[in-house]
Amino acid sequence: MMTFILFLAAVTGLLVVMRKESGAKPAIGVMVVTGLLSLFLASGLLALTLFIGAAVTAAAGLPGFRRNWLTPRVFAMFKKVAPKVSDTEKVALEAGTVSWDGELFTGRPDWHSLLINRNTGLSEKEQAFVDNQCTQAISMCNAWDLAVERADLPADLWEFLKKEKFFGMIIPEEYGGLHFSAKAQTAVLQKLAANEMLMVTVGVPNSLGPGELLVKYGT
């Protein structure tokens, strides 16, 4: 009977702590106190369970203990099983910058540098492409047919995408591309997102940038 009473006391105490969002220390205190009472007055098994719960809560909930003991060990474990980054991948990851959005992680972003960038919209050519070619491409799609029946785009849609240079949005016009701005590329993908398979098919070649690599560095 005493075991059941102490169990209810522990559960009630933890619920009160969680309800008040008091943090890890009060929760640890509840489990340690009820664990000691259980050890001397009731069940050793309940005491062991509460002590284990207190230890886990301390490891995960106390910032100093978590940073100095738990996190380094967890990272070391994942480092052993995580795939290695190749030299090519490392170069790609370290290339370029994240622009203004990286300032969000500093806690003190320069809002002025963001607000001075005005939305100039799309050029006439870019807007016409979004309104016409993108609309035509979407009209050639049937979501069920593409995703379930075919698991592929129809041949006429592939030809249309090639003819209208959907895969060359980042390629300069002198090399046969469209040379769209980043804003226009975003608008195109937003329009094509009406069909997820179509959007991904067009988005991947433009986001990976093999054409841009060829333009800058050759073959």
N, C-alpha and C. Protein backbone atom coordinates (compact mmCIF):
# COMPACT_ATOMS: atom_id res chain seq x y z
N MET A 1 0.82 -1.21 0.00
CA MET A 1 0.00 0.00 0.00
C MET A 1 0.86 1.27 0.00
N MET A 2 1.93 1.24 0.82
CA MET A 2 2.82 2.39 0.88
C MET A 2 3.50 2.64 -0.47
N THR A 3 3.82 1.55 -1.17
CA THR A 3 4.44 1.69 -2.50
C THR A 3 3.51 2.44 -3.45
N PHE A 4 2.23 2.07 -3.41
CA PHE A 4 1.25 2.72 -4.29
C PHE A 4 1.08 4.19 -3.93
N ILE A 5 1.07 4.49 -2.62
CA ILE A 5 0.92 5.88 -2.18
C ILE A 5 2.11 6.72 -2.64
N LEU A 6 3.32 6.18 -2.48
CA LEU A 6 4.51 6.92 -2.90
C LEU A 6 4.56 7.08 -4.42
N PHE A 7 4.08 6.07 -5.13
CA PHE A 7 4.02 6.17 -6.60
C PHE A 7 3.08 7.30 -7.01
N LEU A 8 1.90 7.36 -6.37
CA LEU A 8 0.95 8.43 -6.67
C LEU A 8 1.53 9.79 -6.29
N ALA A 9 2.26 9.83 -5.18
CA ALA A 9 2.87 11.10 -4.76
C ALA A 9 3.90 11.57 -5.78
N ALA A 10 4.70 10.63 -6.29
CA ALA A 10 5.71 10.99 -7.29
C ALA A 10 5.06 11.48 -8.57
N VAL A 11 4.04 10.77 -9.04
CA VAL A 11 3.35 11.17 -10.27
C VAL A 11 2.68 12.53 -10.10
N THR A 12 2.01 12.73 -8.96
CA THR A 12 1.34 14.01 -8.70
C THR A 12 2.35 15.15 -8.65
N GLY A 13 3.45 14.91 -7.95
CA GLY A 13 4.48 15.94 -7.87
C GLY A 13 5.05 16.31 -9.22
N LEU A 14 5.30 15.31 -10.07
CA LEU A 14 5.84 15.57 -11.40
C LEU A 14 4.84 16.31 -12.27
N LEU A 15 3.56 15.96 -12.14
CA LEU A 15 2.53 16.66 -12.91
C LEU A 15 2.45 18.13 -12.50
N VAL A 16 2.56 18.40 -11.20
CA VAL A 16 2.54 19.78 -10.72
C VAL A 16 3.74 20.56 -11.26
N VAL A 17 4.92 19.92 -11.23
CA VAL A 17 6.13 20.57 -11.74
C VAL A 17 5.99 20.88 -13.22
N MET A 18 5.48 19.92 -14.00
CA MET A 18 5.32 20.14 -15.44
C MET A 18 4.26 21.20 -15.72
N ARG A 19 3.19 21.18 -14.90
CA ARG A 19 2.12 22.17 -15.10
C ARG A 19 2.64 23.58 -14.87
N LYS A 20 3.51 23.75 -13.89
CA LYS A 20 4.05 25.07 -13.58
C LYS A 20 5.30 25.40 -14.39
N GLU A 21 5.78 24.40 -15.18
CA GLU A 21 6.99 24.58 -15.98
C GLU A 21 8.15 25.08 -15.11
N SER A 22 8.35 24.37 -13.99
CA SER A 22 9.35 24.79 -13.01
C SER A 22 10.76 24.40 -13.38
N GLY A 23 10.93 23.52 -14.37
CA GLY A 23 12.26 23.13 -14.78
C GLY A 23 12.68 21.78 -14.25
N ALA A 24 13.96 21.45 -14.49
CA ALA A 24 14.45 20.11 -14.17
C ALA A 24 14.71 19.92 -12.68
N LYS A 25 15.20 20.94 -11.99
CA LYS A 25 15.59 20.77 -10.59
C LYS A 25 14.43 20.35 -9.69
N PRO A 26 13.26 21.00 -9.75
CA PRO A 26 12.14 20.53 -8.93
C PRO A 26 11.72 19.10 -9.27
N ALA A 27 11.76 18.74 -10.55
CA ALA A 27 11.40 17.37 -10.94
C ALA A 27 12.39 16.37 -10.35
N ILE A 28 13.67 16.71 -10.39
CA ILE A 28 14.68 15.83 -9.80
C ILE A 28 14.45 15.72 -8.30
N GLY A 29 14.13 16.85 -7.66
CA GLY A 29 13.87 16.83 -6.22
C GLY A 29 12.71 15.93 -5.86
N VAL A 30 11.62 16.00 -6.63
CA VAL A 30 10.46 15.14 -6.37
C VAL A 30 10.85 13.67 -6.46
N MET A 31 11.58 13.30 -7.50
CA MET A 31 11.95 11.89 -7.68
C MET A 31 12.95 11.42 -6.64
N VAL A 32 13.88 12.27 -6.24
CA VAL A 32 14.87 11.87 -5.22
C VAL A 32 14.19 11.69 -3.87
N VAL A 33 13.34 12.63 -3.48
CA VAL A 33 12.66 12.55 -2.18
C VAL A 33 11.76 11.33 -2.11
N THR A 34 10.90 11.15 -3.11
CA THR A 34 10.01 9.98 -3.10
C THR A 34 10.80 8.69 -3.26
N GLY A 35 11.92 8.75 -3.96
CA GLY A 35 12.77 7.57 -4.08
C GLY A 35 13.38 7.17 -2.75
N LEU A 36 13.86 8.15 -1.98
CA LEU A 36 14.43 7.85 -0.65
C LEU A 36 13.36 7.31 0.29
N LEU A 37 12.18 7.93 0.26
CA LEU A 37 11.09 7.42 1.09
C LEU A 37 10.72 6.00 0.71
N SER A 38 10.69 5.73 -0.59
CA SER A 38 10.37 4.38 -1.05
C SER A 38 11.44 3.39 -0.64
N LEU A 39 12.70 3.82 -0.67
CA LEU A 39 13.81 2.93 -0.33
C LEU A 39 13.72 2.47 1.12
N PHE A 40 13.33 3.38 2.02
CA PHE A 40 13.30 3.05 3.45
C PHE A 40 11.94 2.56 3.93
N LEU A 41 10.87 2.94 3.23
CA LEU A 41 9.53 2.63 3.73
C LEU A 41 8.74 1.66 2.87
N ALA A 42 9.15 1.49 1.63
CA ALA A 42 8.31 0.68 0.73
C ALA A 42 9.15 -0.21 -0.16
N SER A 43 9.10 0.05 -1.48
CA SER A 43 9.69 -0.86 -2.48
C SER A 43 11.03 -0.34 -2.99
N GLY A 44 12.02 -1.23 -2.99
CA GLY A 44 13.32 -0.89 -3.56
C GLY A 44 13.24 -0.72 -5.06
N LEU A 45 12.34 -1.46 -5.72
CA LEU A 45 12.18 -1.35 -7.17
C LEU A 45 11.68 0.02 -7.56
N LEU A 46 10.69 0.53 -6.82
CA LEU A 46 10.18 1.87 -7.10
C LEU A 46 11.26 2.91 -6.85
N ALA A 47 12.03 2.72 -5.79
CA ALA A 47 13.12 3.65 -5.50
C ALA A 47 14.14 3.66 -6.63
N LEU A 48 14.50 2.48 -7.13
CA LEU A 48 15.46 2.39 -8.23
C LEU A 48 14.93 3.09 -9.47
N THR A 49 13.65 2.88 -9.77
CA THR A 49 13.03 3.52 -10.93
C THR A 49 13.07 5.04 -10.81
N LEU A 50 12.76 5.56 -9.63
CA LEU A 50 12.76 7.00 -9.42
C LEU A 50 14.17 7.58 -9.49
N PHE A 51 15.15 6.85 -8.95
CA PHE A 51 16.53 7.33 -9.02
C PHE A 51 17.04 7.37 -10.47
N ILE A 52 16.66 6.35 -11.24
CA ILE A 52 17.04 6.34 -12.65
C ILE A 52 16.39 7.52 -13.38
N GLY A 53 15.10 7.75 -13.08
CA GLY A 53 14.41 8.90 -13.68
C GLY A 53 15.06 10.21 -13.32
N ALA A 54 15.50 10.34 -12.06
CA ALA A 54 16.17 11.56 -11.63
C ALA A 54 17.50 11.74 -12.36
N ALA A 55 18.23 10.64 -12.54
CA ALA A 55 19.52 10.71 -13.24
C ALA A 55 19.33 11.12 -14.70
N VAL A 56 18.33 10.53 -15.37
CA VAL A 56 18.07 10.86 -16.77
C VAL A 56 17.64 12.33 -16.90
N THR A 57 16.78 12.76 -15.99
CA THR A 57 16.33 14.16 -16.01
C THR A 57 17.49 15.12 -15.79
N ALA A 58 18.41 14.75 -14.88
CA ALA A 58 19.58 15.59 -14.63
C ALA A 58 20.47 15.66 -15.86
N ALA A 59 20.67 14.52 -16.51
CA ALA A 59 21.54 14.49 -17.69
C ALA A 59 20.96 15.31 -18.84
N ALA A 60 19.65 15.25 -19.00
CA ALA A 60 19.02 15.94 -20.13
C ALA A 60 18.52 17.33 -19.80
N GLY A 61 18.26 17.60 -18.51
CA GLY A 61 17.60 18.84 -18.15
C GLY A 61 18.45 19.90 -17.50
N LEU A 62 19.60 19.52 -16.93
CA LEU A 62 20.48 20.51 -16.31
C LEU A 62 21.48 21.02 -17.34
N PRO A 63 21.44 22.29 -17.71
CA PRO A 63 22.28 22.80 -18.81
C PRO A 63 23.76 22.50 -18.65
N GLY A 64 24.31 22.77 -17.47
CA GLY A 64 25.74 22.54 -17.28
C GLY A 64 26.12 21.08 -17.43
N PHE A 65 25.33 20.21 -16.81
CA PHE A 65 25.60 18.77 -16.89
C PHE A 65 25.42 18.28 -18.33
N ARG A 66 24.39 18.80 -19.01
CA ARG A 66 24.12 18.37 -20.38
C ARG A 66 25.24 18.79 -21.33
N ARG A 67 25.70 20.03 -21.19
CA ARG A 67 26.76 20.53 -22.07
C ARG A 67 28.09 19.84 -21.82
N ASN A 68 28.42 19.63 -20.55
CA ASN A 68 29.75 19.12 -20.21
C ASN A 68 29.87 17.61 -20.23
N TRP A 69 28.73 16.91 -20.10
CA TRP A 69 28.83 15.45 -20.02
C TRP A 69 28.04 14.74 -21.12
N LEU A 70 26.75 15.08 -21.25
CA LEU A 70 25.89 14.32 -22.17
C LEU A 70 26.18 14.64 -23.63
N THR A 71 26.15 15.94 -23.98
CA THR A 71 26.30 16.33 -25.38
C THR A 71 27.60 15.86 -26.01
N PRO A 72 28.77 16.02 -25.36
CA PRO A 72 30.01 15.52 -25.98
C PRO A 72 29.99 14.03 -26.27
N ARG A 73 29.38 13.25 -25.40
CA ARG A 73 29.33 11.81 -25.60
C ARG A 73 28.38 11.43 -26.73
N VAL A 74 27.24 12.13 -26.79
CA VAL A 74 26.29 11.85 -27.88
C VAL A 74 26.90 12.23 -29.22
N PHE A 75 27.56 13.39 -29.29
CA PHE A 75 28.20 13.80 -30.53
C PHE A 75 29.31 12.84 -30.94
N ALA A 76 30.07 12.37 -29.96
CA ALA A 76 31.15 11.43 -30.27
C ALA A 76 30.59 10.13 -30.84
N MET A 77 29.45 9.69 -30.30
CA MET A 77 28.83 8.47 -30.79
C MET A 77 28.34 8.64 -32.23
N PHE A 78 27.68 9.78 -32.51
CA PHE A 78 27.17 10.01 -33.87
C PHE A 78 28.31 10.25 -34.85
N LYS A 79 29.40 10.83 -34.38
CA LYS A 79 30.54 11.07 -35.25
C LYS A 79 31.12 9.78 -35.78
N LYS A 80 31.03 8.72 -34.98
CA LYS A 80 31.58 7.43 -35.39
C LYS A 80 30.73 6.78 -36.49
N VAL A 81 29.41 7.00 -36.43
CA VAL A 81 28.51 6.32 -37.37
C VAL A 81 28.11 7.21 -38.55
N ALA A 82 28.32 8.52 -38.44
CA ALA A 82 27.92 9.43 -39.52
C ALA A 82 28.84 9.25 -40.72
N PRO A 83 28.31 9.34 -41.94
CA PRO A 83 29.16 9.22 -43.14
C PRO A 83 30.13 10.37 -43.24
N LYS A 84 31.30 10.09 -43.77
CA LYS A 84 32.33 11.12 -43.90
C LYS A 84 31.99 12.06 -45.06
N VAL A 85 32.34 13.31 -44.90
CA VAL A 85 32.15 14.31 -45.95
C VAL A 85 33.34 14.24 -46.90
N SER A 86 33.06 14.05 -48.19
CA SER A 86 34.14 13.96 -49.17
C SER A 86 34.77 15.34 -49.40
N ASP A 87 35.93 15.34 -50.05
CA ASP A 87 36.61 16.61 -50.34
C ASP A 87 35.75 17.51 -51.21
N THR A 88 35.07 16.90 -52.20
CA THR A 88 34.20 17.68 -53.09
C THR A 88 33.04 18.29 -52.32
N GLU A 89 32.42 17.49 -51.45
CA GLU A 89 31.31 18.00 -50.64
C GLU A 89 31.78 19.10 -49.68
N LYS A 90 32.98 18.93 -49.14
CA LYS A 90 33.51 19.94 -48.22
C LYS A 90 33.71 21.27 -48.93
N VAL A 91 34.24 21.23 -50.15
CA VAL A 91 34.44 22.46 -50.93
C VAL A 91 33.10 23.14 -51.18
N ALA A 92 32.08 22.34 -51.55
CA ALA A 92 30.76 22.90 -51.83
C ALA A 92 30.14 23.52 -50.57
N LEU A 93 30.31 22.86 -49.43
CA LEU A 93 29.73 23.36 -48.19
C LEU A 93 30.40 24.66 -47.74
N GLU A 94 31.68 24.79 -48.01
CA GLU A 94 32.42 25.96 -47.56
C GLU A 94 32.40 27.10 -48.57
N ALA A 95 31.83 26.87 -49.74
CA ALA A 95 31.82 27.89 -50.79
C ALA A 95 30.69 28.89 -50.56
N GLY A 96 30.95 30.14 -50.92
CA GLY A 96 29.91 31.15 -50.86
C GLY A 96 29.55 31.56 -49.45
N THR A 97 28.49 32.33 -49.34
CA THR A 97 28.02 32.81 -48.04
C THR A 97 26.52 32.58 -47.95
N VAL A 98 25.98 32.83 -46.77
CA VAL A 98 24.54 32.66 -46.56
C VAL A 98 23.80 33.99 -46.64
N SER A 99 24.53 35.07 -46.97
CA SER A 99 23.94 36.40 -47.11
C SER A 99 23.30 36.84 -45.79
N TRP A 100 22.26 37.68 -45.90
CA TRP A 100 21.71 38.30 -44.69
C TRP A 100 21.09 37.29 -43.74
N ASP A 101 20.51 36.21 -44.25
CA ASP A 101 19.81 35.29 -43.37
C ASP A 101 20.73 34.68 -42.32
N GLY A 102 22.05 34.69 -42.57
CA GLY A 102 22.97 34.19 -41.55
C GLY A 102 22.97 35.05 -40.30
N GLU A 103 22.59 36.33 -40.44
CA GLU A 103 22.56 37.22 -39.29
C GLU A 103 21.45 36.85 -38.30
N LEU A 104 20.45 36.11 -38.75
CA LEU A 104 19.39 35.69 -37.84
C LEU A 104 19.94 34.86 -36.70
N PHE A 105 21.03 34.14 -36.96
CA PHE A 105 21.59 33.26 -35.95
C PHE A 105 22.53 34.00 -35.00
N THR A 106 22.79 35.28 -35.25
CA THR A 106 23.63 36.05 -34.34
C THR A 106 22.82 36.61 -33.18
N GLY A 107 21.50 36.66 -33.34
CA GLY A 107 20.66 37.25 -32.31
C GLY A 107 20.48 38.75 -32.46
N ARG A 108 21.29 39.38 -33.30
CA ARG A 108 21.19 40.83 -33.52
C ARG A 108 21.29 41.15 -35.01
N PRO A 109 20.31 40.73 -35.80
CA PRO A 109 20.38 40.97 -37.25
C PRO A 109 20.26 42.45 -37.58
N ASP A 110 20.92 42.85 -38.64
CA ASP A 110 20.85 44.23 -39.13
C ASP A 110 19.62 44.36 -40.02
N TRP A 111 18.51 44.80 -39.43
CA TRP A 111 17.25 44.86 -40.18
C TRP A 111 17.32 45.90 -41.29
N HIS A 112 18.11 46.93 -41.10
CA HIS A 112 18.20 47.98 -42.13
C HIS A 112 18.75 47.42 -43.43
N SER A 113 19.76 46.55 -43.33
CA SER A 113 20.35 45.98 -44.54
C SER A 113 19.36 45.09 -45.27
N LEU A 114 18.36 44.58 -44.57
CA LEU A 114 17.32 43.79 -45.22
C LEU A 114 16.27 44.70 -45.85
N LEU A 115 15.86 45.72 -45.13
CA LEU A 115 14.76 46.56 -45.58
C LEU A 115 15.12 47.46 -46.75
N ILE A 116 16.43 47.75 -46.93
CA ILE A 116 16.81 48.61 -48.06
C ILE A 116 16.74 47.87 -49.39
N ASN A 117 16.61 46.54 -49.35
CA ASN A 117 16.46 45.77 -50.58
C ASN A 117 15.00 45.81 -51.02
N ARG A 118 14.73 46.56 -52.04
CA ARG A 118 13.35 46.74 -52.50
C ARG A 118 12.95 45.61 -53.46
N ASN A 119 11.68 45.31 -53.42
CA ASN A 119 11.14 44.29 -54.33
C ASN A 119 10.88 44.94 -55.69
N THR A 120 11.76 44.69 -56.63
CA THR A 120 11.62 45.28 -57.96
C THR A 120 10.77 44.42 -58.89
N GLY A 121 10.33 43.27 -58.40
CA GLY A 121 9.49 42.40 -59.21
C GLY A 121 10.28 41.67 -60.28
N LEU A 122 9.56 41.07 -61.21
CA LEU A 122 10.17 40.31 -62.30
C LEU A 122 10.25 41.17 -63.56
N SER A 123 11.17 40.80 -64.42
CA SER A 123 11.22 41.47 -65.72
C SER A 123 10.03 41.02 -66.56
N GLU A 124 9.77 41.72 -67.66
CA GLU A 124 8.65 41.35 -68.52
C GLU A 124 8.82 39.93 -69.05
N LYS A 125 10.04 39.59 -69.42
CA LYS A 125 10.31 38.25 -69.95
C LYS A 125 10.06 37.19 -68.89
N GLU A 126 10.52 37.45 -67.68
CA GLU A 126 10.34 36.48 -66.60
C GLU A 126 8.87 36.33 -66.24
N GLN A 127 8.16 37.45 -66.15
CA GLN A 127 6.74 37.39 -65.80
C GLN A 127 5.95 36.66 -66.88
N ALA A 128 6.30 36.90 -68.15
CA ALA A 128 5.61 36.22 -69.25
C ALA A 128 5.86 34.72 -69.18
N PHE A 129 7.06 34.31 -68.80
CA PHE A 129 7.37 32.88 -68.68
C PHE A 129 6.52 32.25 -67.59
N VAL A 130 6.41 32.93 -66.46
CA VAL A 130 5.59 32.41 -65.36
C VAL A 130 4.13 32.31 -65.77
N ASP A 131 3.64 33.33 -66.46
CA ASP A 131 2.22 33.36 -66.83
C ASP A 131 1.87 32.39 -67.95
N ASN A 132 2.80 32.17 -68.87
CA ASN A 132 2.49 31.37 -70.06
C ASN A 132 3.09 29.97 -70.01
N GLN A 133 4.40 29.87 -70.08
CA GLN A 133 5.03 28.55 -70.13
C GLN A 133 4.73 27.71 -68.88
N CYS A 134 4.79 28.36 -67.72
CA CYS A 134 4.52 27.61 -66.49
C CYS A 134 3.07 27.13 -66.44
N THR A 135 2.17 28.00 -66.84
CA THR A 135 0.76 27.62 -66.86
C THR A 135 0.52 26.47 -67.84
N GLN A 136 1.17 26.53 -68.99
CA GLN A 136 1.04 25.46 -69.98
C GLN A 136 1.58 24.15 -69.44
N ALA A 137 2.73 24.21 -68.76
CA ALA A 137 3.32 22.98 -68.21
C ALA A 137 2.40 22.35 -67.17
N ILE A 138 1.81 23.17 -66.32
CA ILE A 138 0.90 22.65 -65.29
C ILE A 138 -0.33 22.02 -65.93
N SER A 139 -0.82 22.63 -67.00
CA SER A 139 -2.02 22.09 -67.66
C SER A 139 -1.77 20.73 -68.29
N MET A 140 -0.51 20.37 -68.49
CA MET A 140 -0.18 19.08 -69.10
C MET A 140 0.02 17.99 -68.05
N CYS A 141 -0.25 18.33 -66.78
CA CYS A 141 -0.02 17.38 -65.68
C CYS A 141 -1.33 16.88 -65.12
N ASN A 142 -1.33 15.63 -64.71
CA ASN A 142 -2.40 15.04 -63.93
C ASN A 142 -1.73 14.36 -62.74
N ALA A 143 -2.00 14.86 -61.55
CA ALA A 143 -1.27 14.41 -60.37
C ALA A 143 -1.36 12.90 -60.17
N TRP A 144 -2.55 12.33 -60.31
CA TRP A 144 -2.72 10.88 -60.12
C TRP A 144 -1.98 10.10 -61.20
N ASP A 145 -2.10 10.56 -62.42
CA ASP A 145 -1.44 9.87 -63.53
C ASP A 145 0.08 9.88 -63.36
N LEU A 146 0.62 11.03 -62.95
CA LEU A 146 2.07 11.14 -62.80
C LEU A 146 2.59 10.34 -61.62
N ALA A 147 1.92 10.46 -60.48
CA ALA A 147 2.44 9.87 -59.25
C ALA A 147 2.14 8.38 -59.13
N VAL A 148 0.99 7.95 -59.63
CA VAL A 148 0.56 6.56 -59.41
C VAL A 148 0.67 5.71 -60.67
N GLU A 149 0.11 6.20 -61.76
CA GLU A 149 0.06 5.40 -62.97
C GLU A 149 1.41 5.35 -63.69
N ARG A 150 2.04 6.48 -63.88
CA ARG A 150 3.27 6.55 -64.66
C ARG A 150 4.53 6.49 -63.80
N ALA A 151 4.47 7.19 -62.66
CA ALA A 151 5.67 7.44 -61.85
C ALA A 151 6.72 8.16 -62.70
N ASP A 152 6.25 9.01 -63.58
CA ASP A 152 7.13 9.74 -64.49
C ASP A 152 6.30 10.82 -65.18
N LEU A 153 6.99 11.77 -65.78
CA LEU A 153 6.30 12.77 -66.59
C LEU A 153 6.01 12.20 -67.97
N PRO A 154 4.91 12.61 -68.61
CA PRO A 154 4.62 12.14 -69.97
C PRO A 154 5.65 12.68 -70.96
N ALA A 155 5.82 11.97 -72.06
CA ALA A 155 6.84 12.32 -73.05
C ALA A 155 6.64 13.72 -73.61
N ASP A 156 5.38 14.11 -73.87
CA ASP A 156 5.14 15.43 -74.44
C ASP A 156 5.50 16.55 -73.46
N LEU A 157 5.35 16.27 -72.16
CA LEU A 157 5.72 17.27 -71.16
C LEU A 157 7.25 17.40 -71.06
N TRP A 158 7.95 16.26 -71.15
CA TRP A 158 9.41 16.30 -71.18
C TRP A 158 9.90 17.16 -72.34
N GLU A 159 9.32 16.95 -73.50
CA GLU A 159 9.73 17.71 -74.67
C GLU A 159 9.43 19.20 -74.51
N PHE A 160 8.28 19.49 -73.91
CA PHE A 160 7.91 20.89 -73.68
C PHE A 160 8.90 21.56 -72.73
N LEU A 161 9.26 20.87 -71.66
CA LEU A 161 10.21 21.42 -70.70
C LEU A 161 11.57 21.68 -71.34
N LYS A 162 12.00 20.76 -72.21
CA LYS A 162 13.28 20.95 -72.89
C LYS A 162 13.20 22.11 -73.89
N LYS A 163 12.12 22.14 -74.64
CA LYS A 163 11.97 23.17 -75.67
C LYS A 163 11.94 24.57 -75.05
N GLU A 164 11.26 24.70 -73.92
CA GLU A 164 11.11 26.02 -73.29
C GLU A 164 12.23 26.33 -72.30
N LYS A 165 13.24 25.45 -72.23
CA LYS A 165 14.46 25.69 -71.45
C LYS A 165 14.22 25.79 -69.95
N PHE A 166 13.28 24.99 -69.45
CA PHE A 166 13.02 24.99 -68.02
C PHE A 166 14.24 24.55 -67.22
N PHE A 167 15.09 23.72 -67.82
CA PHE A 167 16.25 23.20 -67.10
C PHE A 167 17.46 24.13 -67.20
N GLY A 168 17.30 25.26 -67.88
CA GLY A 168 18.42 26.18 -68.06
C GLY A 168 18.14 27.56 -67.50
N MET A 169 17.41 27.65 -66.41
CA MET A 169 17.07 28.96 -65.87
C MET A 169 18.29 29.72 -65.37
N ILE A 170 19.34 28.99 -64.94
CA ILE A 170 20.53 29.67 -64.42
C ILE A 170 21.62 29.83 -65.49
N ILE A 171 21.38 29.29 -66.68
CA ILE A 171 22.39 29.33 -67.74
C ILE A 171 22.29 30.65 -68.50
N PRO A 172 23.41 31.32 -68.80
CA PRO A 172 23.36 32.56 -69.58
C PRO A 172 22.73 32.34 -70.96
N GLU A 173 22.14 33.38 -71.49
CA GLU A 173 21.45 33.27 -72.77
C GLU A 173 22.40 32.93 -73.90
N GLU A 174 23.66 33.39 -73.82
CA GLU A 174 24.61 33.08 -74.90
C GLU A 174 24.94 31.60 -74.98
N TYR A 175 24.63 30.86 -73.93
CA TYR A 175 24.84 29.41 -73.95
C TYR A 175 23.53 28.65 -74.09
N GLY A 176 22.47 29.36 -74.46
CA GLY A 176 21.20 28.70 -74.71
C GLY A 176 20.27 28.60 -73.53
N GLY A 177 20.58 29.31 -72.45
CA GLY A 177 19.72 29.26 -71.27
C GLY A 177 18.79 30.45 -71.17
N LEU A 178 18.12 30.56 -70.04
CA LEU A 178 17.18 31.66 -69.81
C LEU A 178 17.79 32.79 -68.99
N HIS A 179 18.79 32.46 -68.18
CA HIS A 179 19.48 33.44 -67.33
C HIS A 179 18.48 34.23 -66.48
N PHE A 180 17.62 33.51 -65.76
CA PHE A 180 16.65 34.15 -64.89
C PHE A 180 17.31 34.57 -63.58
N SER A 181 16.74 35.58 -62.97
CA SER A 181 17.18 35.99 -61.64
C SER A 181 16.74 34.96 -60.61
N ALA A 182 17.34 35.03 -59.43
CA ALA A 182 16.95 34.10 -58.36
C ALA A 182 15.48 34.27 -58.00
N LYS A 183 15.00 35.51 -58.07
CA LYS A 183 13.60 35.78 -57.77
C LYS A 183 12.69 35.12 -58.80
N ALA A 184 13.09 35.17 -60.06
CA ALA A 184 12.29 34.54 -61.11
C ALA A 184 12.29 33.03 -60.97
N GLN A 185 13.44 32.46 -60.63
CA GLN A 185 13.50 31.01 -60.43
C GLN A 185 12.56 30.59 -59.31
N THR A 186 12.54 31.39 -58.24
CA THR A 186 11.63 31.10 -57.14
C THR A 186 10.18 31.17 -57.59
N ALA A 187 9.85 32.19 -58.38
CA ALA A 187 8.47 32.34 -58.86
C ALA A 187 8.06 31.17 -59.74
N VAL A 188 8.98 30.70 -60.58
CA VAL A 188 8.70 29.56 -61.45
C VAL A 188 8.41 28.32 -60.61
N LEU A 189 9.25 28.05 -59.63
CA LEU A 189 9.07 26.85 -58.81
C LEU A 189 7.81 26.95 -57.96
N GLN A 190 7.48 28.15 -57.50
CA GLN A 190 6.24 28.33 -56.76
C GLN A 190 5.04 28.03 -57.64
N LYS A 191 5.10 28.45 -58.89
CA LYS A 191 3.99 28.19 -59.81
C LYS A 191 3.88 26.70 -60.12
N LEU A 192 5.03 26.06 -60.35
CA LEU A 192 5.02 24.64 -60.69
C LEU A 192 4.70 23.75 -59.49
N ALA A 193 4.74 24.31 -58.28
CA ALA A 193 4.46 23.52 -57.08
C ALA A 193 3.02 23.02 -57.03
N ALA A 194 2.19 23.47 -57.98
CA ALA A 194 0.84 22.90 -58.09
C ALA A 194 0.92 21.40 -58.33
N ASN A 195 2.03 20.95 -58.93
CA ASN A 195 2.29 19.52 -59.07
C ASN A 195 3.69 19.26 -58.54
N GLU A 196 3.77 18.53 -57.43
CA GLU A 196 5.07 18.38 -56.76
C GLU A 196 6.11 17.67 -57.62
N MET A 197 5.70 16.68 -58.42
CA MET A 197 6.67 15.97 -59.25
C MET A 197 7.24 16.90 -60.33
N LEU A 198 6.39 17.73 -60.90
CA LEU A 198 6.85 18.68 -61.91
C LEU A 198 7.81 19.70 -61.29
N MET A 199 7.46 20.20 -60.12
CA MET A 199 8.29 21.20 -59.45
C MET A 199 9.67 20.63 -59.11
N VAL A 200 9.71 19.41 -58.59
CA VAL A 200 11.00 18.80 -58.23
C VAL A 200 11.82 18.51 -59.48
N THR A 201 11.17 18.05 -60.54
CA THR A 201 11.88 17.74 -61.78
C THR A 201 12.57 18.97 -62.35
N VAL A 202 11.91 20.10 -62.27
CA VAL A 202 12.50 21.34 -62.77
C VAL A 202 13.47 21.94 -61.75
N GLY A 203 13.14 21.83 -60.49
CA GLY A 203 13.94 22.48 -59.46
C GLY A 203 15.30 21.88 -59.24
N VAL A 204 15.40 20.55 -59.29
CA VAL A 204 16.67 19.90 -58.96
C VAL A 204 17.80 20.30 -59.91
N PRO A 205 17.63 20.22 -61.24
CA PRO A 205 18.74 20.62 -62.12
C PRO A 205 19.16 22.07 -61.94
N ASN A 206 18.21 22.93 -61.61
CA ASN A 206 18.54 24.34 -61.43
C ASN A 206 19.16 24.63 -60.06
N SER A 207 18.79 23.86 -59.05
CA SER A 207 19.34 24.12 -57.72
C SER A 207 20.72 23.50 -57.55
N LEU A 208 20.98 22.36 -58.16
CA LEU A 208 22.29 21.72 -58.04
C LEU A 208 23.37 22.50 -58.78
N GLY A 209 22.99 23.18 -59.84
CA GLY A 209 23.89 24.09 -60.52
C GLY A 209 25.00 23.49 -61.35
N PRO A 210 24.83 22.33 -62.01
CA PRO A 210 25.90 21.82 -62.87
C PRO A 210 26.21 22.76 -64.02
N GLY A 211 25.16 23.41 -64.55
CA GLY A 211 25.38 24.35 -65.63
C GLY A 211 26.20 25.55 -65.19
N GLU A 212 25.95 26.03 -63.99
CA GLU A 212 26.72 27.17 -63.47
C GLU A 212 28.18 26.79 -63.26
N LEU A 213 28.42 25.57 -62.79
CA LEU A 213 29.80 25.10 -62.63
C LEU A 213 30.52 25.04 -63.97
N LEU A 214 29.81 24.56 -65.00
CA LEU A 214 30.42 24.47 -66.32
C LEU A 214 30.74 25.86 -66.87
N VAL A 215 29.84 26.82 -66.65
CA VAL A 215 30.07 28.17 -67.14
C VAL A 215 31.28 28.80 -66.47
N LYS A 216 31.42 28.58 -65.17
CA LYS A 216 32.50 29.23 -64.43
C LYS A 216 33.84 28.51 -64.55
N TYR A 217 33.78 27.17 -64.59
CA TYR A 217 35.04 26.42 -64.52
C TYR A 217 35.30 25.53 -65.73
N GLY A 218 34.36 25.46 -66.66
CA GLY A 218 34.55 24.60 -67.83
C GLY A 218 34.38 23.14 -67.49
N THR A 219 34.79 22.28 -68.42
CA THR A 219 34.62 20.84 -68.21
C THR A 219 35.80 20.24 -67.48
